[in-house]
Amino acid sequence: MAVTHISDTNTERADARAEKARAGETGAGDARSGEARDGDTGPAVTDAGLALPGAGPALPGASAAAGTATGTGTGAGTAAGGGRPGVVACLVKEGLPEWLAPVARAAETIRPSQLSRFLPPGDGGGRQSAVLILFGEGERGPELLLMERAGSLRSHAGQPAFPGGALDPEDGDPAADGLLRAALREAEEETGLDPRGVQLFGVLPPLYIPVSGFVVTSVLGWWREPSPVGVVDPKETARVFTVPVADLTDPAHRVTAVHPRGHAGPAFLVESALVWGFTAGVIDRLLHFAGWERPWDRDKRVPLDWRA
């Protein structure tokens, strides 16, 4: 998979947050202390030895009727976003659209080694962080929410990513609902998303980012009540956009990204962007285990430059 770095912008905001905390001023919604982002070390897991899921729809339809995914809701319904009413940080699997059922099932059965060879340290080390993988339904059917990092950033400028970042103290215990809270909070801070319209329904096994020391948990969400999104801080984010799942599964949009150091992994040419690294690796595995993947040419390669 990919390497995650803390951006210069977030480091500065972490210092500001720490200063506020010392002054007793820290509150919900303050600047983030770090962010989980894409990077460049380690190839993504290949399909070797992995069984393709059973036959299913080649692509979810745009007019999928509401249904119930496998499983039951968990958690106590703890409020996230600083205790704001209506924001709930727990997993609720009932009431999902039928087309999301394969993703919910995959989240329950996928093993960490099937996502990446970089797994969290056995001693519990690493900085806990979370990203939000948010599925919505647009004009062309199911879609994913992504953001593109600002071109002025020193690390991974212009790279698309899931909204997300490191846990803050107010997020709470990562062993409880802290990771869910962090994913919702970060998405709100980075895209302006209203978390009250998001239904969290699953989490993927945590993955380790060796260079930065992040342990990243991907939180799956259904955009039950869409809200306006856009750039909140232009110094950090260039744009916020959605990508139709139909484009992600289209073989014409799939390539292998190759870093100058020789590392290679799956990537997507969508919405005038090259999605690669951690984000592309997770999307690739979700498409595979949900049964949505279509055969694509892995020899079609796109080189990355040294700034990636």
C-alpha atoms as a PDB file:
ATOM      1  CA  MET A   1       0.000   0.000   0.000  1.00  0.00           C
ATOM      2  CA  ALA A   2       1.128   3.543   0.532  1.00  0.00           C
ATOM      3  CA  VAL A   3       2.984   5.759   2.924  1.00  0.00           C
ATOM      4  CA  THR A   4       1.220   8.447   4.892  1.00  0.00           C
ATOM      5  CA  HIS A   5       2.803  11.757   5.787  1.00  0.00           C
ATOM      6  CA  ILE A   6       1.710  14.556   8.090  1.00  0.00           C
ATOM      7  CA  SER A   7       1.454  17.697   6.030  1.00  0.00           C
ATOM      8  CA  ASP A   8       3.196  20.931   6.995  1.00  0.00           C
ATOM      9  CA  THR A   9      -0.212  22.572   7.322  1.00  0.00           C
ATOM     10  CA  ASN A  10      -1.377  20.031   9.868  1.00  0.00           C
ATOM     11  CA  THR A  11       1.852  20.240  11.831  1.00  0.00           C
ATOM     12  CA  GLU A  12       1.350  23.979  12.223  1.00  0.00           C
ATOM     13  CA  ARG A  13      -2.252  23.469  13.248  1.00  0.00           C
ATOM     14  CA  ALA A  14      -1.162  20.816  15.751  1.00  0.00           C
ATOM     15  CA  ASP A  15       1.100  23.392  17.403  1.00  0.00           C
ATOM     16  CA  ALA A  16      -1.790  25.848  17.539  1.00  0.00           C
ATOM     17  CA  ARG A  17      -4.070  23.209  19.060  1.00  0.00           C
ATOM     18  CA  ALA A  18      -1.489  22.325  21.689  1.00  0.00           C
ATOM     19  CA  GLU A  19      -1.119  26.000  22.598  1.00  0.00           C
ATOM     20  CA  LYS A  20      -4.894  26.333  22.972  1.00  0.00           C
ATOM     21  CA  ALA A  21      -5.009  23.213  25.105  1.00  0.00           C
ATOM     22  CA  ARG A  22      -2.405  24.683  27.454  1.00  0.00           C
ATOM     23  CA  ALA A  23      -4.546  27.798  27.708  1.00  0.00           C
ATOM     24  CA  GLY A  24      -7.669  25.766  28.373  1.00  0.00           C
ATOM     25  CA  GLU A  25      -9.317  26.848  25.129  1.00  0.00           C
ATOM     26  CA  THR A  26      -9.412  23.656  23.091  1.00  0.00           C
ATOM     27  CA  GLY A  27     -12.859  22.675  21.827  1.00  0.00           C
ATOM     28  CA  ALA A  28     -14.474  20.473  19.230  1.00  0.00           C
ATOM     29  CA  GLY A  29     -13.816  21.443  15.651  1.00  0.00           C
ATOM     30  CA  ASP A  30     -10.395  23.050  16.273  1.00  0.00           C
ATOM     31  CA  ALA A  31      -7.476  22.490  13.930  1.00  0.00           C
ATOM     32  CA  ARG A  32      -6.491  18.910  13.308  1.00  0.00           C
ATOM     33  CA  SER A  33      -3.360  17.416  14.805  1.00  0.00           C
ATOM     34  CA  GLY A  34      -2.366  15.249  11.852  1.00  0.00           C
ATOM     35  CA  GLU A  35      -3.675  13.544   8.771  1.00  0.00           C
ATOM     36  CA  ALA A  36      -3.519  10.161   7.142  1.00  0.00           C
ATOM     37  CA  ARG A  37      -2.571  10.503   3.505  1.00  0.00           C
ATOM     38  CA  ASP A  38      -1.267   8.567   0.567  1.00  0.00           C
ATOM     39  CA  GLY A  39       2.363   7.848  -0.201  1.00  0.00           C
ATOM     40  CA  ASP A  40       4.738   5.688  -2.082  1.00  0.00           C
ATOM     41  CA  THR A  41       6.296   2.707  -0.334  1.00  0.00           C
ATOM     42  CA  GLY A  42       5.273  -0.870  -0.811  1.00  0.00           C
ATOM     43  CA  PRO A  43       3.340  -2.457  -3.620  1.00  0.00           C
ATOM     44  CA  ALA A  44      -0.330  -3.146  -3.172  1.00  0.00           C
ATOM     45  CA  VAL A  45      -1.379  -6.709  -2.486  1.00  0.00           C
ATOM     46  CA  THR A  46      -1.779  -8.648  -5.709  1.00  0.00           C
ATOM     47  CA  ASP A  47      -4.595 -11.034  -6.557  1.00  0.00           C
ATOM     48  CA  ALA A  48      -2.322 -14.060  -6.202  1.00  0.00           C
ATOM     49  CA  GLY A  49      -3.885 -16.611  -3.912  1.00  0.00           C
ATOM     50  CA  LEU A  50      -7.061 -14.583  -3.372  1.00  0.00           C
ATOM     51  CA  ALA A  51     -10.419 -16.062  -4.291  1.00  0.00           C
ATOM     52  CA  LEU A  52     -12.642 -13.753  -6.296  1.00  0.00           C
ATOM     53  CA  PRO A  53     -16.028 -13.354  -4.596  1.00  0.00           C
ATOM     54  CA  GLY A  54     -19.008 -15.203  -6.029  1.00  0.00           C
ATOM     55  CA  ALA A  55     -21.042 -13.943  -8.909  1.00  0.00           C
ATOM     56  CA  GLY A  56     -22.829 -10.695  -8.264  1.00  0.00           C
ATOM     57  CA  PRO A  57     -23.885  -7.573 -10.100  1.00  0.00           C
ATOM     58  CA  ALA A  58     -21.119  -6.295 -12.354  1.00  0.00           C
ATOM     59  CA  LEU A  59     -22.011  -2.826 -11.216  1.00  0.00           C
ATOM     60  CA  PRO A  60     -24.560  -1.486  -8.726  1.00  0.00           C
ATOM     61  CA  GLY A  61     -27.501   0.242 -10.338  1.00  0.00           C
ATOM     62  CA  ALA A  62     -28.368   3.890  -9.938  1.00  0.00           C
ATOM     63  CA  SER A  63     -31.876   3.166  -8.730  1.00  0.00           C
ATOM     64  CA  ALA A  64     -31.153   0.436  -6.177  1.00  0.00           C
ATOM     65  CA  ALA A  65     -34.014   0.029  -3.746  1.00  0.00           C
ATOM     66  CA  ALA A  66     -33.420   0.363  -0.037  1.00  0.00           C
ATOM     67  CA  GLY A  67     -32.724  -2.888   1.742  1.00  0.00           C
ATOM     68  CA  THR A  68     -31.042  -4.301   4.791  1.00  0.00           C
ATOM     69  CA  ALA A  69     -27.421  -5.352   4.858  1.00  0.00           C
ATOM     70  CA  THR A  70     -26.204  -8.345   6.816  1.00  0.00           C
ATOM     71  CA  GLY A  71     -25.584  -7.659  10.489  1.00  0.00           C
ATOM     72  CA  THR A  72     -26.997  -5.514  13.224  1.00  0.00           C
ATOM     73  CA  GLY A  73     -26.264  -2.068  14.534  1.00  0.00           C
ATOM     74  CA  THR A  74     -23.588  -1.733  17.196  1.00  0.00           C
ATOM     75  CA  GLY A  75     -22.510   0.904  19.644  1.00  0.00           C
ATOM     76  CA  ALA A  76     -24.360   3.103  22.057  1.00  0.00           C
ATOM     77  CA  GLY A  77     -25.067   5.934  19.672  1.00  0.00           C
ATOM     78  CA  THR A  78     -22.470   8.246  21.195  1.00  0.00           C
ATOM     79  CA  ALA A  79     -22.623  11.738  19.771  1.00  0.00           C
ATOM     80  CA  ALA A  80     -19.603  12.797  17.707  1.00  0.00           C
ATOM     81  CA  GLY A  81     -18.511  16.225  16.527  1.00  0.00           C
ATOM     82  CA  GLY A  82     -18.104  17.624  20.015  1.00  0.00           C
ATOM     83  CA  GLY A  83     -21.422  16.257  21.225  1.00  0.00           C
ATOM     84  CA  ARG A  84     -23.472  18.032  18.547  1.00  0.00           C
ATOM     85  CA  PRO A  85     -27.033  16.614  18.536  1.00  0.00           C
ATOM     86  CA  GLY A  86     -27.836  14.328  15.623  1.00  0.00           C
ATOM     87  CA  VAL A  87     -24.254  13.221  14.981  1.00  0.00           C
ATOM     88  CA  VAL A  88     -23.956   9.567  15.944  1.00  0.00           C
ATOM     89  CA  ALA A  89     -20.694   7.607  16.039  1.00  0.00           C
ATOM     90  CA  CYS A  90     -21.794   3.987  15.921  1.00  0.00           C
ATOM     91  CA  LEU A  91     -22.178   1.303  13.278  1.00  0.00           C
ATOM     92  CA  VAL A  92     -25.694   0.832  11.914  1.00  0.00           C
ATOM     93  CA  LYS A  93     -26.062  -1.783   9.190  1.00  0.00           C
ATOM     94  CA  GLU A  94     -29.822  -1.745   8.730  1.00  0.00           C
ATOM     95  CA  GLY A  95     -31.481   0.376   6.073  1.00  0.00           C
ATOM     96  CA  LEU A  96     -28.586   0.437   3.605  1.00  0.00           C
ATOM     97  CA  PRO A  97     -29.343   0.409  -0.123  1.00  0.00           C
ATOM     98  CA  GLU A  98     -29.148  -3.098  -1.557  1.00  0.00           C
ATOM     99  CA  TRP A  99     -26.161  -2.282  -3.758  1.00  0.00           C
ATOM    100  CA  LEU A 100     -24.048  -1.579  -0.654  1.00  0.00           C
ATOM    101  CA  ALA A 101     -24.683  -5.039   0.829  1.00  0.00           C
ATOM    102  CA  PRO A 102     -21.593  -6.584  -0.869  1.00  0.00           C
ATOM    103  CA  VAL A 103     -19.383  -3.872   0.623  1.00  0.00           C
ATOM    104  CA  ALA A 104     -20.847  -4.396   4.099  1.00  0.00           C
ATOM    105  CA  ARG A 105     -20.271  -8.146   3.816  1.00  0.00           C
ATOM    106  CA  ALA A 106     -16.715  -7.636   2.611  1.00  0.00           C
ATOM    107  CA  ALA A 107     -15.945  -5.406   5.591  1.00  0.00           C
ATOM    108  CA  GLU A 108     -17.031  -8.202   7.924  1.00  0.00           C
ATOM    109  CA  THR A 109     -14.947 -10.937   6.313  1.00  0.00           C
ATOM    110  CA  ILE A 110     -11.834  -9.371   4.787  1.00  0.00           C
ATOM    111  CA  ARG A 111      -8.556 -10.163   6.547  1.00  0.00           C
ATOM    112  CA  PRO A 112      -5.824  -7.562   7.155  1.00  0.00           C
ATOM    113  CA  SER A 113      -3.311  -9.465   4.999  1.00  0.00           C
ATOM    114  CA  GLN A 114      -5.757  -9.275   2.087  1.00  0.00           C
ATOM    115  CA  LEU A 115      -5.539  -5.486   2.190  1.00  0.00           C
ATOM    116  CA  SER A 116      -1.823  -4.894   2.627  1.00  0.00           C
ATOM    117  CA  ARG A 117       1.435  -6.402   3.786  1.00  0.00           C
ATOM    118  CA  PHE A 118       1.914  -3.446   6.138  1.00  0.00           C
ATOM    119  CA  LEU A 119       0.072  -4.365   9.342  1.00  0.00           C
ATOM    120  CA  PRO A 120       0.005  -2.533  12.699  1.00  0.00           C
ATOM    121  CA  PRO A 121       2.880  -3.264  15.101  1.00  0.00           C
ATOM    122  CA  GLY A 122       2.224  -6.145  17.437  1.00  0.00           C
ATOM    123  CA  ASP A 123       3.148  -4.002  20.444  1.00  0.00           C
ATOM    124  CA  GLY A 124       0.259  -1.619  19.797  1.00  0.00           C
ATOM    125  CA  GLY A 125       2.530   1.187  18.621  1.00  0.00           C
ATOM    126  CA  GLY A 126       1.721   3.709  15.920  1.00  0.00           C
ATOM    127  CA  ARG A 127      -0.358   6.857  15.774  1.00  0.00           C
ATOM    128  CA  GLN A 128      -4.055   6.087  15.474  1.00  0.00           C
ATOM    129  CA  SER A 129      -5.875   7.728  12.566  1.00  0.00           C
ATOM    130  CA  ALA A 130      -8.987   7.212  10.481  1.00  0.00           C
ATOM    131  CA  VAL A 131     -10.289   7.972   7.001  1.00  0.00           C
ATOM    132  CA  LEU A 132     -13.905   8.110   5.841  1.00  0.00           C
ATOM    133  CA  ILE A 133     -14.835   6.040   2.788  1.00  0.00           C
ATOM    134  CA  LEU A 134     -18.179   7.621   1.996  1.00  0.00           C
ATOM    135  CA  PHE A 135     -20.529   6.053  -0.549  1.00  0.00           C
ATOM    136  CA  GLY A 136     -23.301   8.195  -1.976  1.00  0.00           C
ATOM    137  CA  GLU A 137     -25.687   7.999  -4.891  1.00  0.00           C
ATOM    138  CA  GLY A 138     -25.453  10.578  -7.656  1.00  0.00           C
ATOM    139  CA  GLU A 139     -26.807  11.123 -11.137  1.00  0.00           C
ATOM    140  CA  ARG A 140     -24.747   8.204 -12.459  1.00  0.00           C
ATOM    141  CA  GLY A 141     -25.441   5.894  -9.564  1.00  0.00           C
ATOM    142  CA  PRO A 142     -23.173   4.948  -6.644  1.00  0.00           C
ATOM    143  CA  GLU A 143     -20.198   7.208  -6.058  1.00  0.00           C
ATOM    144  CA  LEU A 144     -17.317   7.882  -3.639  1.00  0.00           C
ATOM    145  CA  LEU A 145     -16.301  11.158  -1.986  1.00  0.00           C
ATOM    146  CA  LEU A 146     -12.672  12.210  -2.446  1.00  0.00           C
ATOM    147  CA  MET A 147     -10.595  15.338  -1.941  1.00  0.00           C
ATOM    148  CA  GLU A 148      -7.476  16.610  -3.697  1.00  0.00           C
ATOM    149  CA  ARG A 149      -4.605  18.019  -1.687  1.00  0.00           C
ATOM    150  CA  ALA A 150      -3.479  21.566  -2.422  1.00  0.00           C
ATOM    151  CA  GLY A 151      -0.704  21.918  -4.990  1.00  0.00           C
ATOM    152  CA  SER A 152       1.290  24.144  -2.627  1.00  0.00           C
ATOM    153  CA  LEU A 153       1.801  21.442   0.004  1.00  0.00           C
ATOM    154  CA  ARG A 154       5.311  20.087   0.342  1.00  0.00           C
ATOM    155  CA  SER A 155       4.188  16.471   0.749  1.00  0.00           C
ATOM    156  CA  HIS A 156       1.993  14.773  -1.883  1.00  0.00           C
ATOM    157  CA  ALA A 157       0.803  18.002  -3.470  1.00  0.00           C
ATOM    158  CA  GLY A 158      -2.224  17.538  -5.698  1.00  0.00           C
ATOM    159  CA  GLN A 159      -2.830  13.950  -4.629  1.00  0.00           C
ATOM    160  CA  PRO A 160      -6.422  12.694  -4.237  1.00  0.00           C
ATOM    161  CA  ALA A 161      -7.303  11.072  -0.922  1.00  0.00           C
ATOM    162  CA  PHE A 162     -10.101  10.085   1.399  1.00  0.00           C
ATOM    163  CA  PRO A 163     -10.905  12.734   4.013  1.00  0.00           C
ATOM    164  CA  GLY A 164      -9.306  11.743   7.287  1.00  0.00           C
ATOM    165  CA  GLY A 165      -6.568  12.277   9.827  1.00  0.00           C
ATOM    166  CA  ALA A 166      -5.183  11.495  13.250  1.00  0.00           C
ATOM    167  CA  LEU A 167      -7.304  11.084  16.352  1.00  0.00           C
ATOM    168  CA  ASP A 168      -7.625  14.145  18.553  1.00  0.00           C
ATOM    169  CA  PRO A 169      -8.114  13.920  22.330  1.00  0.00           C
ATOM    170  CA  GLU A 170     -11.813  14.817  22.085  1.00  0.00           C
ATOM    171  CA  ASP A 171     -12.407  11.861  19.742  1.00  0.00           C
ATOM    172  CA  GLY A 172     -12.034   9.494  22.667  1.00  0.00           C
ATOM    173  CA  ASP A 173     -10.735   5.962  22.977  1.00  0.00           C
ATOM    174  CA  PRO A 174      -9.742   4.349  19.650  1.00  0.00           C
ATOM    175  CA  ALA A 175     -10.744   1.007  21.149  1.00  0.00           C
ATOM    176  CA  ALA A 176     -14.291   2.346  21.591  1.00  0.00           C
ATOM    177  CA  ASP A 177     -15.808   4.855  19.150  1.00  0.00           C
ATOM    178  CA  GLY A 178     -12.820   7.196  18.823  1.00  0.00           C
ATOM    179  CA  LEU A 179     -11.981   6.134  15.279  1.00  0.00           C
ATOM    180  CA  LEU A 180     -15.573   6.645  14.123  1.00  0.00           C
ATOM    181  CA  ARG A 181     -15.638  10.081  15.701  1.00  0.00           C
ATOM    182  CA  ALA A 182     -12.323  11.016  14.105  1.00  0.00           C
ATOM    183  CA  ALA A 183     -13.455   9.967  10.619  1.00  0.00           C
ATOM    184  CA  LEU A 184     -16.615  12.074  10.857  1.00  0.00           C
ATOM    185  CA  ARG A 185     -14.859  15.061  12.389  1.00  0.00           C
ATOM    186  CA  GLU A 186     -12.072  15.083   9.821  1.00  0.00           C
ATOM    187  CA  ALA A 187     -14.521  14.779   6.936  1.00  0.00           C
ATOM    188  CA  GLU A 188     -16.469  17.734   8.259  1.00  0.00           C
ATOM    189  CA  GLU A 189     -13.340  19.837   8.771  1.00  0.00           C
ATOM    190  CA  GLU A 190     -11.909  19.057   5.341  1.00  0.00           C
ATOM    191  CA  THR A 191     -14.981  19.019   3.096  1.00  0.00           C
ATOM    192  CA  GLY A 192     -17.731  20.830   5.001  1.00  0.00           C
ATOM    193  CA  LEU A 193     -19.737  17.599   5.076  1.00  0.00           C
ATOM    194  CA  ASP A 194     -22.654  17.522   7.520  1.00  0.00           C
ATOM    195  CA  PRO A 195     -21.930  14.331   9.517  1.00  0.00           C
ATOM    196  CA  ARG A 196     -25.563  14.129  10.641  1.00  0.00           C
ATOM    197  CA  GLY A 197     -26.411  12.795   7.179  1.00  0.00           C
ATOM    198  CA  VAL A 198     -23.844   9.980   7.314  1.00  0.00           C
ATOM    199  CA  GLN A 199     -24.643   6.424   8.413  1.00  0.00           C
ATOM    200  CA  LEU A 200     -21.514   4.511   9.410  1.00  0.00           C
ATOM    201  CA  PHE A 201     -21.856   0.808   8.651  1.00  0.00           C
ATOM    202  CA  GLY A 202     -18.435  -0.816   8.827  1.00  0.00           C
ATOM    203  CA  VAL A 203     -14.698  -0.588   9.360  1.00  0.00           C
ATOM    204  CA  LEU A 204     -11.824  -2.233   7.531  1.00  0.00           C
ATOM    205  CA  PRO A 205      -8.861  -3.789   9.368  1.00  0.00           C
ATOM    206  CA  PRO A 206      -6.293  -1.150  10.380  1.00  0.00           C
ATOM    207  CA  LEU A 207      -3.202  -0.798   8.204  1.00  0.00           C
ATOM    208  CA  TYR A 208       0.238   0.517   9.101  1.00  0.00           C
ATOM    209  CA  ILE A 209       2.109   3.325   7.317  1.00  0.00           C
ATOM    210  CA  PRO A 210       5.786   2.637   8.141  1.00  0.00           C
ATOM    211  CA  VAL A 211       7.344   5.993   7.218  1.00  0.00           C
ATOM    212  CA  SER A 212       4.931   8.132   9.232  1.00  0.00           C
ATOM    213  CA  GLY A 213       4.042   5.589  11.919  1.00  0.00           C
ATOM    214  CA  PHE A 214       0.310   5.986  11.317  1.00  0.00           C
ATOM    215  CA  VAL A 215      -2.112   3.144  11.988  1.00  0.00           C
ATOM    216  CA  VAL A 216      -4.980   3.923   9.603  1.00  0.00           C
ATOM    217  CA  THR A 217      -8.507   2.586  10.016  1.00  0.00           C
ATOM    218  CA  SER A 218     -10.887   3.007   7.078  1.00  0.00           C
ATOM    219  CA  VAL A 219     -14.446   3.753   8.212  1.00  0.00           C
ATOM    220  CA  LEU A 220     -17.226   2.964   5.742  1.00  0.00           C
ATOM    221  CA  GLY A 221     -20.196   5.288   5.471  1.00  0.00           C
ATOM    222  CA  TRP A 222     -23.458   5.684   3.541  1.00  0.00           C
ATOM    223  CA  TRP A 223     -24.346   9.268   2.585  1.00  0.00           C
ATOM    224  CA  ARG A 224     -27.930   8.820   3.643  1.00  0.00           C
ATOM    225  CA  GLU A 225     -28.748  12.543   3.545  1.00  0.00           C
ATOM    226  CA  PRO A 226     -26.360  14.347   1.160  1.00  0.00           C
ATOM    227  CA  SER A 227     -25.168  17.823   2.099  1.00  0.00           C
ATOM    228  CA  PRO A 228     -23.144  20.447   0.222  1.00  0.00           C
ATOM    229  CA  VAL A 229     -19.376  19.864   0.253  1.00  0.00           C
ATOM    230  CA  GLY A 230     -16.430  21.909  -0.934  1.00  0.00           C
ATOM    231  CA  VAL A 231     -13.019  23.274  -0.041  1.00  0.00           C
ATOM    232  CA  VAL A 232     -12.838  24.473   3.557  1.00  0.00           C
ATOM    233  CA  ASP A 233      -9.156  25.468   3.679  1.00  0.00           C
ATOM    234  CA  PRO A 234      -7.611  26.276   0.257  1.00  0.00           C
ATOM    235  CA  LYS A 235      -4.127  26.058   1.766  1.00  0.00           C
ATOM    236  CA  GLU A 236      -4.730  22.371   2.391  1.00  0.00           C
ATOM    237  CA  THR A 237      -7.337  21.239  -0.147  1.00  0.00           C
ATOM    238  CA  ALA A 238      -7.568  22.054  -3.850  1.00  0.00           C
ATOM    239  CA  ARG A 239     -10.990  20.527  -4.477  1.00  0.00           C
ATOM    240  CA  VAL A 240     -13.603  18.113  -3.160  1.00  0.00           C
ATOM    241  CA  PHE A 241     -15.278  15.808  -5.663  1.00  0.00           C
ATOM    242  CA  THR A 242     -17.177  12.578  -6.139  1.00  0.00           C
ATOM    243  CA  VAL A 243     -16.264   9.691  -8.440  1.00  0.00           C
ATOM    244  CA  PRO A 244     -18.912   7.340  -9.875  1.00  0.00           C
ATOM    245  CA  VAL A 245     -18.254   3.704  -8.996  1.00  0.00           C
ATOM    246  CA  ALA A 246     -18.950   2.987 -12.672  1.00  0.00           C
ATOM    247  CA  ASP A 247     -15.791   4.906 -13.573  1.00  0.00           C
ATOM    248  CA  LEU A 248     -13.724   3.140 -10.912  1.00  0.00           C
ATOM    249  CA  THR A 249     -14.734  -0.258 -12.285  1.00  0.00           C
ATOM    250  CA  ASP A 250     -14.256   0.732 -15.937  1.00  0.00           C
ATOM    251  CA  PRO A 251     -11.081  -1.013 -17.202  1.00  0.00           C
ATOM    252  CA  ALA A 252     -10.347   2.017 -19.377  1.00  0.00           C
ATOM    253  CA  HIS A 253      -9.768   4.070 -16.219  1.00  0.00           C
ATOM    254  CA  ARG A 254      -7.513   1.564 -14.463  1.00  0.00           C
ATOM    255  CA  VAL A 255      -3.707   1.682 -14.561  1.00  0.00           C
ATOM    256  CA  THR A 256      -0.674   0.672 -12.526  1.00  0.00           C
ATOM    257  CA  ALA A 257       1.171   3.617 -10.967  1.00  0.00           C
ATOM    258  CA  VAL A 258       4.950   3.203 -10.804  1.00  0.00           C
ATOM    259  CA  HIS A 259       7.105   5.287  -8.457  1.00  0.00           C
ATOM    260  CA  PRO A 260      10.692   6.138  -9.459  1.00  0.00           C
ATOM    261  CA  ARG A 261      11.876   3.947  -6.572  1.00  0.00           C
ATOM    262  CA  GLY A 262      10.248   1.000  -8.296  1.00  0.00           C
ATOM    263  CA  HIS A 263       7.165   0.561  -6.123  1.00  0.00           C
ATOM    264  CA  ALA A 264       4.001  -0.123  -8.098  1.00  0.00           C
ATOM    265  CA  GLY A 265       0.324  -0.355  -7.250  1.00  0.00           C
ATOM    266  CA  PRO A 266      -3.197   0.025  -8.662  1.00  0.00           C
ATOM    267  CA  ALA A 267      -4.361   3.473  -9.714  1.00  0.00           C
ATOM    268  CA  PHE A 268      -7.385   5.141 -11.313  1.00  0.00           C
ATOM    269  CA  LEU A 269      -7.587   7.882 -13.941  1.00  0.00           C
ATOM    270  CA  VAL A 270     -10.865   9.565 -13.011  1.00  0.00           C
ATOM    271  CA  GLU A 271     -12.275  13.082 -12.767  1.00  0.00           C
ATOM    272  CA  SER A 272      -9.097  14.611 -14.268  1.00  0.00           C
ATOM    273  CA  ALA A 273      -7.031  13.065 -11.484  1.00  0.00           C
ATOM    274  CA  LEU A 274      -4.709  10.127 -10.893  1.00  0.00           C
ATOM    275  CA  VAL A 275      -5.825   8.322  -7.745  1.00  0.00           C
ATOM    276  CA  TRP A 276      -2.969   6.188  -6.414  1.00  0.00           C
ATOM    277  CA  GLY A 277      -1.240   5.100  -3.199  1.00  0.00           C
ATOM    278  CA  PHE A 278      -3.187   4.189  -0.075  1.00  0.00           C
ATOM    279  CA  THR A 279      -6.475   5.527  -1.427  1.00  0.00           C
ATOM    280  CA  ALA A 280      -6.273   3.589  -4.690  1.00  0.00           C
ATOM    281  CA  GLY A 281      -5.123   0.445  -2.899  1.00  0.00           C
ATOM    282  CA  VAL A 282      -8.122   0.438  -0.593  1.00  0.00           C
ATOM    283  CA  ILE A 283     -10.539   1.179  -3.446  1.00  0.00           C
ATOM    284  CA  ASP A 284      -8.975  -1.650  -5.465  1.00  0.00           C
ATOM    285  CA  ARG A 285      -9.486  -4.147  -2.640  1.00  0.00           C
ATOM    286  CA  LEU A 286     -13.057  -2.997  -1.979  1.00  0.00           C
ATOM    287  CA  LEU A 287     -13.978  -3.426  -5.644  1.00  0.00           C
ATOM    288  CA  HIS A 288     -12.388  -6.866  -5.636  1.00  0.00           C
ATOM    289  CA  PHE A 289     -14.025  -8.239  -2.505  1.00  0.00           C
ATOM    290  CA  ALA A 290     -17.400  -6.659  -3.266  1.00  0.00           C
ATOM    291  CA  GLY A 291     -17.400  -8.555  -6.579  1.00  0.00           C
ATOM    292  CA  TRP A 292     -17.445  -5.364  -8.648  1.00  0.00           C
ATOM    293  CA  GLU A 293     -13.972  -5.660 -10.154  1.00  0.00           C
ATOM    294  CA  ARG A 294     -13.711  -6.136 -13.913  1.00  0.00           C
ATOM    295  CA  PRO A 295     -10.636  -7.486 -15.697  1.00  0.00           C
ATOM    296  CA  TRP A 296      -8.183  -4.695 -16.474  1.00  0.00           C
ATOM    297  CA  ASP A 297      -4.745  -4.356 -18.044  1.00  0.00           C
ATOM    298  CA  ARG A 298      -2.197  -4.294 -15.213  1.00  0.00           C
ATOM    299  CA  ASP A 299       0.576  -3.711 -17.744  1.00  0.00           C
ATOM    300  CA  LYS A 300      -0.834  -0.285 -18.562  1.00  0.00           C
ATOM    301  CA  ARG A 301       1.560   1.817 -16.484  1.00  0.00           C
ATOM    302  CA  VAL A 302       1.686   5.457 -15.456  1.00  0.00           C
ATOM    303  CA  PRO A 303       4.956   6.793 -13.982  1.00  0.00           C
ATOM    304  CA  LEU A 304       4.990   9.025 -10.910  1.00  0.00           C
ATOM    305  CA  ASP A 305       7.589  11.762 -10.473  1.00  0.00           C
ATOM    306  CA  TRP A 306       9.933  12.240  -7.509  1.00  0.00           C
ATOM    307  CA  ARG A 307       7.606  14.780  -5.911  1.00  0.00           C
ATOM    308  CA  ALA A 308       4.947  12.110  -5.419  1.00  0.00           C
END
